[in-house]
PDB file of N, CA and C in Angstrom:
ATOM      1  N   CYS A   1      -8.474 -55.708  29.402  1.00  0.00           N
ATOM      2  CA  CYS A   1      -7.782 -55.065  29.187  1.00  0.00           C
ATOM      3  C   CYS A   1      -6.029 -56.646  30.632  1.00  0.00           C
ATOM      4  N   CYS A   2      -6.424 -56.716  29.759  1.00  0.00           N
ATOM      5  CA  CYS A   2      -4.359 -57.662  30.203  1.00  0.00           C
ATOM      6  C   CYS A   2      -3.367 -56.335  30.266  1.00  0.00           C
ATOM      7  N   ILE A   3      -2.472 -56.618  31.582  1.00  0.00           N
ATOM      8  CA  ILE A   3      -2.209 -55.196  32.012  1.00  0.00           C
ATOM      9  C   ILE A   3      -0.937 -56.048  32.693  1.00  0.00           C
ATOM     10  N   ASP A   4       0.622 -55.549  31.598  1.00  0.00           N
ATOM     11  CA  ASP A   4       1.552 -56.596  31.614  1.00  0.00           C
ATOM     12  C   ASP A   4       2.643 -55.503  33.117  1.00  0.00           C
ATOM     13  N   LYS A   5       3.043 -54.931  33.718  1.00  0.00           N
ATOM     14  CA  LYS A   5       3.408 -53.592  34.382  1.00  0.00           C
ATOM     15  C   LYS A   5       4.973 -53.781  34.904  1.00  0.00           C
ATOM     16  N   SER A   6       5.663 -54.897  34.438  1.00  0.00           N
ATOM     17  CA  SER A   6       7.400 -56.099  34.587  1.00  0.00           C
ATOM     18  C   SER A   6       8.796 -55.426  33.660  1.00  0.00           C
ATOM     19  N   SER A   7       8.783 -53.493  33.551  1.00  0.00           N
ATOM     20  CA  SER A   7       8.858 -53.072  32.182  1.00  0.00           C
ATOM     21  C   SER A   7       8.938 -51.863  32.801  1.00  0.00           C
ATOM     22  N   ASN A   8       9.276 -50.423  31.889  1.00  0.00           N
ATOM     23  CA  ASN A   8       9.227 -49.188  32.439  1.00  0.00           C
ATOM     24  C   ASN A   8       7.751 -49.040  32.333  1.00  0.00           C
ATOM     25  N   ASN A   9       7.953 -49.237  30.257  1.00  0.00           N
ATOM     26  CA  ASN A   9       7.155 -48.628  29.809  1.00  0.00           C
ATOM     27  C   ASN A   9       5.725 -50.351  30.510  1.00  0.00           C
ATOM     28  N   LYS A  10       4.231 -49.598  30.827  1.00  0.00           N
ATOM     29  CA  LYS A  10       3.450 -50.536  30.984  1.00  0.00           C
ATOM     30  C   LYS A  10       2.530 -51.191  29.929  1.00  0.00           C
ATOM     31  N   LYS A  11       2.229 -52.632  29.829  1.00  0.00           N
ATOM     32  CA  LYS A  11       1.929 -53.305  28.800  1.00  0.00           C
ATOM     33  C   LYS A  11       0.663 -53.437  29.472  1.00  0.00           C
ATOM     34  N   ILE A  12      -0.376 -52.259  27.604  1.00  0.00           N
ATOM     35  CA  ILE A  12      -1.384 -52.458  27.890  1.00  0.00           C
ATOM     36  C   ILE A  12      -2.695 -53.195  26.215  1.00  0.00           C
ATOM     37  N   GLU A  13      -3.009 -54.514  26.362  1.00  0.00           N
ATOM     38  CA  GLU A  13      -3.473 -54.635  25.275  1.00  0.00           C
ATOM     39  C   GLU A  13      -5.064 -55.649  25.597  1.00  0.00           C
ATOM     40  N   TYR A  14      -5.325 -56.158  24.243  1.00  0.00           N
ATOM     41  CA  TYR A  14      -6.527 -57.575  24.161  1.00  0.00           C
ATOM     42  C   TYR A  14      -7.958 -56.195  25.420  1.00  0.00           C
ATOM     43  N   CYS A  15      -7.799 -54.937  24.895  1.00  0.00           N
ATOM     44  CA  CYS A  15      -8.360 -54.548  25.207  1.00  0.00           C
ATOM     45  C   CYS A  15     -10.077 -53.929  25.074  1.00  0.00           C
ATOM     46  N   GLU A  16     -11.620 -54.905  25.126  1.00  0.00           N
ATOM     47  CA  GLU A  16     -12.539 -55.302  25.454  1.00  0.00           C
ATOM     48  C   GLU A  16     -12.939 -53.198  24.245  1.00  0.00           C
ATOM     49  N   GLU A  17     -13.135 -51.939  25.202  1.00  0.00           N
ATOM     50  CA  GLU A  17     -12.575 -50.758  24.469  1.00  0.00           C
ATOM     51  C   GLU A  17     -11.391 -50.311  24.566  1.00  0.00           C
ATOM     52  N   ASN A  18     -12.052 -48.989  25.549  1.00  0.00           N
ATOM     53  CA  ASN A  18     -10.799 -47.674  25.781  1.00  0.00           C
ATOM     54  C   ASN A  18      -9.606 -48.772  27.058  1.00  0.00           C
ATOM     55  N   ALA A  19      -8.838 -48.669  26.104  1.00  0.00           N
ATOM     56  CA  ALA A  19      -6.826 -49.082  27.244  1.00  0.00           C
ATOM     57  C   ALA A  19      -7.240 -48.462  28.597  1.00  0.00           C
ATOM     58  N   ILE A  20      -7.508 -47.512  28.000  1.00  0.00           N
ATOM     59  CA  ILE A  20      -6.725 -45.649  29.083  1.00  0.00           C
ATOM     60  C   ILE A  20      -8.770 -44.718  29.049  1.00  0.00           C
ATOM     61  N   PHE A  21      -9.726 -45.156  30.283  1.00  0.00           N
ATOM     62  CA  PHE A  21     -10.192 -44.017  30.334  1.00  0.00           C
ATOM     63  C   PHE A  21      -9.729 -43.427  31.552  1.00  0.00           C
ATOM     64  N   ASP A  22      -9.944 -41.741  31.596  1.00  0.00           N
ATOM     65  CA  ASP A  22      -9.845 -41.228  32.166  1.00  0.00           C
ATOM     66  C   ASP A  22     -11.705 -40.764  31.722  1.00  0.00           C
ATOM     67  N   GLU A  23     -11.879 -41.029  34.009  1.00  0.00           N
ATOM     68  CA  GLU A  23     -13.303 -39.910  33.685  1.00  0.00           C
ATOM     69  C   GLU A  23     -13.229 -38.752  33.982  1.00  0.00           C
ATOM     70  N   GLY A  24     -12.137 -37.586  34.398  1.00  0.00           N
ATOM     71  CA  GLY A  24     -12.554 -35.728  34.652  1.00  0.00           C
ATOM     72  C   GLY A  24     -12.293 -35.754  36.256  1.00  0.00           C
ATOM     73  N   THR A  25     -12.603 -36.965  36.374  1.00  0.00           N
ATOM     74  CA  THR A  25     -11.397 -36.466  38.138  1.00  0.00           C
ATOM     75  C   THR A  25     -10.926 -37.207  38.759  1.00  0.00           C
ATOM     76  N   GLY A  26      -9.988 -35.351  39.872  1.00  0.00           N
ATOM     77  CA  GLY A  26      -8.778 -36.015  40.069  1.00  0.00           C
ATOM     78  C   GLY A  26      -8.365 -34.538  39.250  1.00  0.00           C
ATOM     79  N   ALA A  27      -6.858 -33.811  39.537  1.00  0.00           N
ATOM     80  CA  ALA A  27      -6.372 -33.272  39.284  1.00  0.00           C
ATOM     81  C   ALA A  27      -4.770 -33.304  38.715  1.00  0.00           C
ATOM     82  N   ASN A  28      -3.910 -32.997  37.447  1.00  0.00           N
ATOM     83  CA  ASN A  28      -2.814 -32.582  38.143  1.00  0.00           C
ATOM     84  C   ASN A  28      -2.316 -34.521  37.134  1.00  0.00           C
ATOM     85  N   ILE A  29      -2.682 -35.184  36.457  1.00  0.00           N
ATOM     86  CA  ILE A  29      -2.991 -36.226  35.947  1.00  0.00           C
ATOM     87  C   ILE A  29      -1.833 -36.771  35.006  1.00  0.00           C
ATOM     88  N   THR A  30      -0.624 -37.382  35.446  1.00  0.00           N
ATOM     89  CA  THR A  30      -0.261 -37.885  33.440  1.00  0.00           C
ATOM     90  C   THR A  30      -0.092 -39.513  32.958  1.00  0.00           C
ATOM     91  N   ILE A  31      -0.936 -39.851  32.028  1.00  0.00           N
ATOM     92  CA  ILE A  31      -0.522 -40.437  31.007  1.00  0.00           C
ATOM     93  C   ILE A  31       0.804 -40.753  30.427  1.00  0.00           C
ATOM     94  N   ASP A  32       1.072 -41.571  31.036  1.00  0.00           N
ATOM     95  CA  ASP A  32       3.209 -41.689  30.526  1.00  0.00           C
ATOM     96  C   ASP A  32       3.535 -43.494  30.679  1.00  0.00           C
ATOM     97  N   HIS A  33       3.992 -43.359  29.683  1.00  0.00           N
ATOM     98  CA  HIS A  33       5.360 -45.106  29.221  1.00  0.00           C
ATOM     99  C   HIS A  33       4.484 -45.384  29.669  1.00  0.00           C
ATOM    100  N   ASN A  34       3.516 -45.524  28.137  1.00  0.00           N
ATOM    101  CA  ASN A  34       1.969 -47.300  28.165  1.00  0.00           C
ATOM    102  C   ASN A  34       2.876 -47.345  26.944  1.00  0.00           C
ATOM    103  N   SER A  35       2.275 -48.722  26.596  1.00  0.00           N
ATOM    104  CA  SER A  35       2.487 -49.590  25.270  1.00  0.00           C
ATOM    105  C   SER A  35       0.981 -49.878  25.251  1.00  0.00           C
ATOM    106  N   ILE A  36       0.673 -49.676  24.171  1.00  0.00           N
ATOM    107  CA  ILE A  36      -1.380 -49.724  24.284  1.00  0.00           C
ATOM    108  C   ILE A  36      -1.361 -50.455  23.004  1.00  0.00           C
ATOM    109  N   SER A  37      -2.040 -51.240  22.734  1.00  0.00           N
ATOM    110  CA  SER A  37      -2.386 -52.708  21.624  1.00  0.00           C
ATOM    111  C   SER A  37      -4.063 -52.997  21.845  1.00  0.00           C
ATOM    112  N   LYS A  38      -3.706 -53.734  20.316  1.00  0.00           N
ATOM    113  CA  LYS A  38      -4.996 -54.246  19.963  1.00  0.00           C
ATOM    114  C   LYS A  38      -7.127 -53.534  21.163  1.00  0.00           C
ATOM    115  N   VAL A  39      -7.265 -52.600  20.695  1.00  0.00           N
ATOM    116  CA  VAL A  39      -8.617 -51.556  21.460  1.00  0.00           C
ATOM    117  C   VAL A  39      -8.840 -51.865  20.815  1.00  0.00           C
ATOM    118  N   GLY A  40     -10.362 -51.672  21.280  1.00  0.00           N
ATOM    119  CA  GLY A  40     -11.566 -51.835  21.060  1.00  0.00           C
ATOM    120  C   GLY A  40     -12.233 -53.638  20.382  1.00  0.00           C
ATOM    121  N   LEU A  41     -11.770 -54.112  20.732  1.00  0.00           N
ATOM    122  CA  LEU A  41     -12.328 -55.459  20.545  1.00  0.00           C
ATOM    123  C   LEU A  41     -13.159 -55.705  19.980  1.00  0.00           C
ATOM    124  N   LYS A  42     -14.532 -54.653  21.262  1.00  0.00           N
ATOM    125  CA  LYS A  42     -15.436 -55.388  21.191  1.00  0.00           C
ATOM    126  C   LYS A  42     -16.440 -54.799  20.127  1.00  0.00           C
ATOM    127  N   GLY A  43     -16.015 -53.624  19.125  1.00  0.00           N
ATOM    128  CA  GLY A  43     -16.468 -52.378  17.705  1.00  0.00           C
ATOM    129  C   GLY A  43     -17.609 -51.798  18.625  1.00  0.00           C
ATOM    130  N   LEU A  44     -17.094 -51.272  19.392  1.00  0.00           N
ATOM    131  CA  LEU A  44     -17.844 -50.085  20.192  1.00  0.00           C
ATOM    132  C   LEU A  44     -17.978 -48.994  20.068  1.00  0.00           C
ATOM    133  N   ASP A  45     -17.637 -48.201  18.903  1.00  0.00           N
ATOM    134  CA  ASP A  45     -17.534 -47.023  17.819  1.00  0.00           C
ATOM    135  C   ASP A  45     -18.521 -45.764  19.577  1.00  0.00           C
ATOM    136  N   LYS A  46     -18.998 -46.075  19.555  1.00  0.00           N
ATOM    137  CA  LYS A  46     -20.624 -45.340  20.191  1.00  0.00           C
ATOM    138  C   LYS A  46     -19.138 -43.986  20.945  1.00  0.00           C
ATOM    139  N   ASN A  47     -19.628 -42.380  21.327  1.00  0.00           N
ATOM    140  CA  ASN A  47     -18.749 -42.154  22.270  1.00  0.00           C
ATOM    141  C   ASN A  47     -17.435 -42.520  22.360  1.00  0.00           C
ATOM    142  N   GLY A  48     -16.952 -42.757  21.577  1.00  0.00           N
ATOM    143  CA  GLY A  48     -15.356 -42.474  21.233  1.00  0.00           C
ATOM    144  C   GLY A  48     -14.601 -43.853  21.927  1.00  0.00           C
ATOM    145  N   LEU A  49     -15.677 -45.105  22.221  1.00  0.00           N
ATOM    146  CA  LEU A  49     -15.372 -46.197  22.816  1.00  0.00           C
ATOM    147  C   LEU A  49     -14.718 -47.648  22.458  1.00  0.00           C
ATOM    148  N   SER A  50     -14.349 -46.969  21.510  1.00  0.00           N
ATOM    149  CA  SER A  50     -12.631 -47.826  20.679  1.00  0.00           C
ATOM    150  C   SER A  50     -11.213 -47.597  20.573  1.00  0.00           C
ATOM    151  N   SER A  51     -10.640 -46.200  21.783  1.00  0.00           N
ATOM    152  CA  SER A  51     -10.104 -45.333  22.349  1.00  0.00           C
ATOM    153  C   SER A  51      -8.763 -46.159  22.538  1.00  0.00           C
ATOM    154  N   GLY A  52      -7.513 -45.900  22.545  1.00  0.00           N
ATOM    155  CA  GLY A  52      -6.488 -45.921  23.409  1.00  0.00           C
ATOM    156  C   GLY A  52      -6.772 -45.836  23.788  1.00  0.00           C
ATOM    157  N   ILE A  53      -6.681 -44.144  24.912  1.00  0.00           N
ATOM    158  CA  ILE A  53      -7.139 -43.612  25.561  1.00  0.00           C
ATOM    159  C   ILE A  53      -8.184 -41.908  26.129  1.00  0.00           C
ATOM    160  N   PHE A  54      -9.044 -42.774  26.323  1.00  0.00           N
ATOM    161  CA  PHE A  54     -10.067 -41.616  25.746  1.00  0.00           C
ATOM    162  C   PHE A  54      -9.542 -40.362  27.396  1.00  0.00           C
ATOM    163  N   ILE A  55     -10.008 -39.641  27.484  1.00  0.00           N
ATOM    164  CA  ILE A  55     -10.864 -38.504  28.109  1.00  0.00           C
ATOM    165  C   ILE A  55     -11.554 -37.572  28.276  1.00  0.00           C
ATOM    166  N   SER A  56     -13.026 -38.606  29.348  1.00  0.00           N
ATOM    167  CA  SER A  56     -13.564 -37.433  29.007  1.00  0.00           C
ATOM    168  C   SER A  56     -14.712 -36.086  29.588  1.00  0.00           C
ATOM    169  N   SER A  57     -13.862 -35.941  30.831  1.00  0.00           N
ATOM    170  CA  SER A  57     -13.471 -35.009  30.753  1.00  0.00           C
ATOM    171  C   SER A  57     -12.614 -34.425  31.379  1.00  0.00           C
ATOM    172  N   GLY A  58     -12.609 -32.490  32.198  1.00  0.00           N
ATOM    173  CA  GLY A  58     -11.004 -33.036  32.625  1.00  0.00           C
ATOM    174  C   GLY A  58      -9.897 -31.700  32.733  1.00  0.00           C
ATOM    175  N   SER A  59      -9.108 -31.657  33.330  1.00  0.00           N
ATOM    176  CA  SER A  59      -7.730 -30.564  32.716  1.00  0.00           C
ATOM    177  C   SER A  59      -6.729 -30.993  33.711  1.00  0.00           C
ATOM    178  N   ASN A  60      -5.432 -30.639  33.258  1.00  0.00           N
ATOM    179  CA  ASN A  60      -4.283 -30.523  34.418  1.00  0.00           C
ATOM    180  C   ASN A  60      -3.741 -31.675  33.693  1.00  0.00           C
ATOM    181  N   ARG A  61      -3.740 -32.176  31.840  1.00  0.00           N
ATOM    182  CA  ARG A  61      -3.664 -33.590  31.811  1.00  0.00           C
ATOM    183  C   ARG A  61      -2.590 -33.911  31.336  1.00  0.00           C
ATOM    184  N   LYS A  62      -0.893 -34.265  31.744  1.00  0.00           N
ATOM    185  CA  LYS A  62      -0.463 -34.165  29.757  1.00  0.00           C
ATOM    186  C   LYS A  62      -0.300 -36.474  29.323  1.00  0.00           C
ATOM    187  N   ILE A  63       0.368 -36.472  28.733  1.00  0.00           N
ATOM    188  CA  ILE A  63      -0.482 -37.032  28.315  1.00  0.00           C
ATOM    189  C   ILE A  63       0.681 -37.517  26.535  1.00  0.00           C
ATOM    190  N   GLN A  64       1.710 -38.227  27.318  1.00  0.00           N
ATOM    191  CA  GLN A  64       3.546 -38.340  27.241  1.00  0.00           C
ATOM    192  C   GLN A  64       4.319 -40.100  27.358  1.00  0.00           C
ATOM    193  N   ASN A  65       4.743 -39.934  26.080  1.00  0.00           N
ATOM    194  CA  ASN A  65       5.667 -41.027  25.799  1.00  0.00           C
ATOM    195  C   ASN A  65       5.027 -42.433  25.677  1.00  0.00           C
ATOM    196  N   ASN A  66       3.536 -42.444  25.387  1.00  0.00           N
ATOM    197  CA  ASN A  66       3.413 -43.590  25.255  1.00  0.00           C
ATOM    198  C   ASN A  66       3.868 -44.121  23.679  1.00  0.00           C
ATOM    199  N   ILE A  67       3.385 -45.229  23.625  1.00  0.00           N
ATOM    200  CA  ILE A  67       2.581 -46.348  22.199  1.00  0.00           C
ATOM    201  C   ILE A  67       1.970 -46.247  21.820  1.00  0.00           C
ATOM    202  N   ILE A  68       0.737 -45.701  20.732  1.00  0.00           N
ATOM    203  CA  ILE A  68      -0.612 -46.634  20.577  1.00  0.00           C
ATOM    204  C   ILE A  68      -0.503 -47.049  19.300  1.00  0.00           C
ATOM    205  N   SER A  69      -0.764 -48.550  18.816  1.00  0.00           N
ATOM    206  CA  SER A  69      -1.025 -48.780  18.178  1.00  0.00           C
ATOM    207  C   SER A  69      -1.787 -50.366  17.737  1.00  0.00           C
ATOM    208  N   GLY A  70      -3.139 -49.546  17.332  1.00  0.00           N
ATOM    209  CA  GLY A  70      -3.900 -50.186  16.527  1.00  0.00           C
ATOM    210  C   GLY A  70      -4.220 -50.779  15.083  1.00  0.00           C
ATOM    211  N   ASP A  71      -5.608 -51.604  14.828  1.00  0.00           N
ATOM    212  CA  ASP A  71      -4.584 -52.018  14.262  1.00  0.00           C
ATOM    213  C   ASP A  71      -5.277 -52.298  12.848  1.00  0.00           C
ATOM    214  N   ASN A  72      -5.695 -51.253  12.473  1.00  0.00           N
ATOM    215  CA  ASN A  72      -6.388 -50.034  11.309  1.00  0.00           C
ATOM    216  C   ASN A  72      -8.399 -50.557  11.213  1.00  0.00           C
ATOM    217  N   GLU A  73      -8.237 -51.660  11.795  1.00  0.00           N
ATOM    218  CA  GLU A  73      -9.732 -51.818  12.212  1.00  0.00           C
ATOM    219  C   GLU A  73     -10.487 -50.924  13.090  1.00  0.00           C
ATOM    220  N   ASN A  74      -9.823 -51.571  14.489  1.00  0.00           N
ATOM    221  CA  ASN A  74     -10.928 -51.538  16.137  1.00  0.00           C
ATOM    222  C   ASN A  74     -10.730 -50.821  16.521  1.00  0.00           C
ATOM    223  N   MET A  75      -9.971 -50.155  16.943  1.00  0.00           N
ATOM    224  CA  MET A  75      -9.279 -48.342  17.174  1.00  0.00           C
ATOM    225  C   MET A  75      -9.756 -47.512  15.829  1.00  0.00           C
ATOM    226  N   GLN A  76     -11.153 -46.316  16.942  1.00  0.00           N
ATOM    227  CA  GLN A  76     -11.346 -45.720  15.908  1.00  0.00           C
ATOM    228  C   GLN A  76     -10.180 -44.560  16.367  1.00  0.00           C
ATOM    229  N   TYR A  77     -10.140 -44.108  17.402  1.00  0.00           N
ATOM    230  CA  TYR A  77      -8.569 -43.472  17.462  1.00  0.00           C
ATOM    231  C   TYR A  77      -8.062 -43.676  18.594  1.00  0.00           C
ATOM    232  N   ALA A  78      -6.934 -42.970  18.216  1.00  0.00           N
ATOM    233  CA  ALA A  78      -5.598 -43.489  18.897  1.00  0.00           C
ATOM    234  C   ALA A  78      -5.549 -42.843  21.100  1.00  0.00           C
ATOM    235  N   ILE A  79      -6.105 -41.491  21.286  1.00  0.00           N
ATOM    236  CA  ILE A  79      -6.160 -40.332  21.347  1.00  0.00           C
ATOM    237  C   ILE A  79      -7.917 -39.757  21.333  1.00  0.00           C
ATOM    238  N   TYR A  80      -8.046 -38.986  21.765  1.00  0.00           N
ATOM    239  CA  TYR A  80     -10.572 -38.845  22.030  1.00  0.00           C
ATOM    240  C   TYR A  80     -10.110 -38.113  23.468  1.00  0.00           C
ATOM    241  N   LEU A  81     -10.272 -36.518  23.245  1.00  0.00           N
ATOM    242  CA  LEU A  81     -10.722 -36.002  24.180  1.00  0.00           C
ATOM    243  C   LEU A  81     -11.222 -34.672  24.283  1.00  0.00           C
ATOM    244  N   ALA A  82     -12.447 -35.107  24.663  1.00  0.00           N
ATOM    245  CA  ALA A  82     -14.225 -35.218  24.775  1.00  0.00           C
ATOM    246  C   ALA A  82     -14.079 -33.676  24.779  1.00  0.00           C
ATOM    247  N   ASN A  83     -14.699 -33.601  26.850  1.00  0.00           N
ATOM    248  CA  ASN A  83     -14.816 -33.075  26.889  1.00  0.00           C
ATOM    249  C   ASN A  83     -14.336 -32.244  27.284  1.00  0.00           C
ATOM    250  N   THR A  84     -13.353 -32.414  27.144  1.00  0.00           N
ATOM    251  CA  THR A  84     -12.335 -31.233  27.842  1.00  0.00           C
ATOM    252  C   THR A  84     -11.512 -29.782  28.085  1.00  0.00           C
ATOM    253  N   ASP A  85      -9.955 -29.467  29.074  1.00  0.00           N
ATOM    254  CA  ASP A  85     -10.679 -28.107  28.696  1.00  0.00           C
ATOM    255  C   ASP A  85      -9.111 -28.229  27.470  1.00  0.00           C
ATOM    256  N   GLN A  86      -8.111 -28.179  26.847  1.00  0.00           N
ATOM    257  CA  GLN A  86      -7.544 -28.464  25.664  1.00  0.00           C
ATOM    258  C   GLN A  86      -6.615 -27.447  26.232  1.00  0.00           C
ATOM    259  N   ARG A  87      -7.075 -26.230  26.599  1.00  0.00           N
ATOM    260  CA  ARG A  87      -5.443 -25.875  26.521  1.00  0.00           C
ATOM    261  C   ARG A  87      -4.923 -26.487  27.892  1.00  0.00           C
ATOM    262  N   SER A  88      -5.383 -27.069  29.224  1.00  0.00           N
ATOM    263  CA  SER A  88      -4.862 -27.680  29.892  1.00  0.00           C
ATOM    264  C   SER A  88      -3.625 -28.439  29.743  1.00  0.00           C
ATOM    265  N   ILE A  89      -4.048 -28.346  28.356  1.00  0.00           N
ATOM    266  CA  ILE A  89      -3.816 -30.178  28.497  1.00  0.00           C
ATOM    267  C   ILE A  89      -2.215 -30.931  26.697  1.00  0.00           C
ATOM    268  N   SER A  90      -1.640 -31.549  27.792  1.00  0.00           N
ATOM    269  CA  SER A  90       0.148 -31.481  26.874  1.00  0.00           C
ATOM    270  C   SER A  90       0.549 -32.347  27.065  1.00  0.00           C
ATOM    271  N   ILE A  91       0.064 -32.728  25.151  1.00  0.00           N
ATOM    272  CA  ILE A  91       0.287 -33.973  24.477  1.00  0.00           C
ATOM    273  C   ILE A  91       2.038 -34.280  23.987  1.00  0.00           C
ATOM    274  N   MET A  92       2.767 -35.469  24.000  1.00  0.00           N
ATOM    275  CA  MET A  92       3.909 -34.538  23.660  1.00  0.00           C
ATOM    276  C   MET A  92       4.700 -36.592  24.334  1.00  0.00           C
ATOM    277  N   ASN A  93       5.327 -36.417  22.621  1.00  0.00           N
ATOM    278  CA  ASN A  93       6.235 -37.456  22.447  1.00  0.00           C
ATOM    279  C   ASN A  93       5.459 -38.987  22.686  1.00  0.00           C
ATOM    280  N   ASN A  94       4.885 -38.705  21.838  1.00  0.00           N
ATOM    281  CA  ASN A  94       4.077 -40.543  21.462  1.00  0.00           C
ATOM    282  C   ASN A  94       3.852 -40.600  20.276  1.00  0.00           C
ATOM    283  N   LYS A  95       3.589 -41.191  20.265  1.00  0.00           N
ATOM    284  CA  LYS A  95       3.754 -42.217  18.669  1.00  0.00           C
ATOM    285  C   LYS A  95       2.095 -43.726  18.488  1.00  0.00           C
ATOM    286  N   LEU A  96       1.727 -42.510  17.883  1.00  0.00           N
ATOM    287  CA  LEU A  96       0.411 -43.601  17.063  1.00  0.00           C
ATOM    288  C   LEU A  96      -0.091 -43.440  15.429  1.00  0.00           C
ATOM    289  N   LEU A  97      -0.056 -45.353  16.245  1.00  0.00           N
ATOM    290  CA  LEU A  97      -0.596 -45.358  15.111  1.00  0.00           C
ATOM    291  C   LEU A  97      -1.677 -46.629  14.755  1.00  0.00           C
ATOM    292  N   GLY A  98      -2.137 -46.068  13.303  1.00  0.00           N
ATOM    293  CA  GLY A  98      -3.052 -47.314  13.179  1.00  0.00           C
ATOM    294  C   GLY A  98      -4.709 -47.033  13.759  1.00  0.00           C
ATOM    295  N   ALA A  99      -5.141 -45.921  13.960  1.00  0.00           N
ATOM    296  CA  ALA A  99      -6.517 -45.299  13.846  1.00  0.00           C
ATOM    297  C   ALA A  99      -7.009 -45.659  12.850  1.00  0.00           C
ATOM    298  N   ARG A 100      -8.052 -45.368  12.811  1.00  0.00           N
ATOM    299  CA  ARG A 100      -9.053 -45.844  12.016  1.00  0.00           C
ATOM    300  C   ARG A 100      -9.375 -44.728  11.171  1.00  0.00           C
ATOM    301  N   ASP A 101      -9.690 -43.938  12.606  1.00  0.00           N
ATOM    302  CA  ASP A 101     -10.487 -42.311  12.148  1.00  0.00           C
ATOM    303  C   ASP A 101      -9.350 -41.293  11.904  1.00  0.00           C
ATOM    304  N   TYR A 102      -9.630 -41.329  13.387  1.00  0.00           N
ATOM    305  CA  TYR A 102      -7.775 -40.208  13.714  1.00  0.00           C
ATOM    306  C   TYR A 102      -7.116 -40.526  14.580  1.00  0.00           C
ATOM    307  N   ALA A 103      -5.485 -39.984  14.555  1.00  0.00           N
ATOM    308  CA  ALA A 103      -5.153 -40.711  15.533  1.00  0.00           C
ATOM    309  C   ALA A 103      -4.960 -39.708  16.583  1.00  0.00           C
ATOM    310  N   ILE A 104      -5.921 -38.382  17.308  1.00  0.00           N
ATOM    311  CA  ILE A 104      -6.632 -37.253  18.604  1.00  0.00           C
ATOM    312  C   ILE A 104      -7.500 -37.152  17.233  1.00  0.00           C
ATOM    313  N   ARG A 105      -8.080 -36.735  17.836  1.00  0.00           N
ATOM    314  CA  ARG A 105      -9.625 -36.549  18.495  1.00  0.00           C
ATOM    315  C   ARG A 105      -9.606 -35.906  19.556  1.00  0.00           C
ATOM    316  N   LEU A 106      -9.719 -34.116  18.785  1.00  0.00           N
ATOM    317  CA  LEU A 106     -10.688 -33.210  20.258  1.00  0.00           C
ATOM    318  C   LEU A 106     -11.869 -32.553  19.308  1.00  0.00           C
ATOM    319  N   ASN A 107     -12.638 -32.061  20.815  1.00  0.00           N
ATOM    320  CA  ASN A 107     -14.253 -31.673  20.772  1.00  0.00           C
ATOM    321  C   ASN A 107     -13.698 -30.142  19.630  1.00  0.00           C
ATOM    322  N   GLU A 108     -14.240 -30.359  18.927  1.00  0.00           N
ATOM    323  CA  GLU A 108     -14.148 -28.517  17.866  1.00  0.00           C
ATOM    324  C   GLU A 108     -15.282 -27.685  18.980  1.00  0.00           C
ATOM    325  N   ASN A 109     -15.670 -28.699  19.719  1.00  0.00           N
ATOM    326  CA  ASN A 109     -16.427 -26.584  21.250  1.00  0.00           C
ATOM    327  C   ASN A 109     -15.316 -26.760  21.941  1.00  0.00           C
ATOM    328  N   LYS A 110     -14.851 -27.229  22.292  1.00  0.00           N
ATOM    329  CA  LYS A 110     -13.320 -26.007  23.114  1.00  0.00           C
ATOM    330  C   LYS A 110     -12.117 -25.846  22.453  1.00  0.00           C
ATOM    331  N   THR A 111     -11.452 -24.929  22.905  1.00  0.00           N
ATOM    332  CA  THR A 111     -10.138 -24.229  22.281  1.00  0.00           C
ATOM    333  C   THR A 111      -9.299 -24.914  22.300  1.00  0.00           C
ATOM    334  N   LYS A 112      -8.283 -25.352  21.722  1.00  0.00           N
ATOM    335  CA  LYS A 112      -7.186 -25.570  20.814  1.00  0.00           C
ATOM    336  C   LYS A 112      -6.529 -25.014  20.727  1.00  0.00           C
ATOM    337  N   THR A 113      -5.995 -25.658  21.388  1.00  0.00           N
ATOM    338  CA  THR A 113      -3.582 -24.993  21.897  1.00  0.00           C
ATOM    339  C   THR A 113      -2.535 -26.093  20.701  1.00  0.00           C
ATOM    340  N   TYR A 114      -2.287 -25.782  19.851  1.00  0.00           N
ATOM    341  CA  TYR A 114      -1.009 -26.678  19.891  1.00  0.00           C
ATOM    342  C   TYR A 114       0.091 -26.065  19.532  1.00  0.00           C
TER     343      TYR A 114
END
């Protein structure tokens, strides 16, 4: 990926796989004010590898004030929460555009709170 941190919104683009990948370590993580585009250029959809933001596992995450823009072809999901404690994850004030399958994918085996 190419990352430009010169403004308030970090610009992340030209990513072969995910733009932001959270493997689930750490606590109280906030993903805030990112502008993400041109994701999934490698074309790997296995296990959500073509997502703007992919959170593999974990809890206590905030995903807010992000712009995630796909081209309706390469980016499968704008946000993908795999094995997370969805009761403790806040998703708000994001602009999600151009995901090929879904804007947000949640794991159906986890508790969903909207």
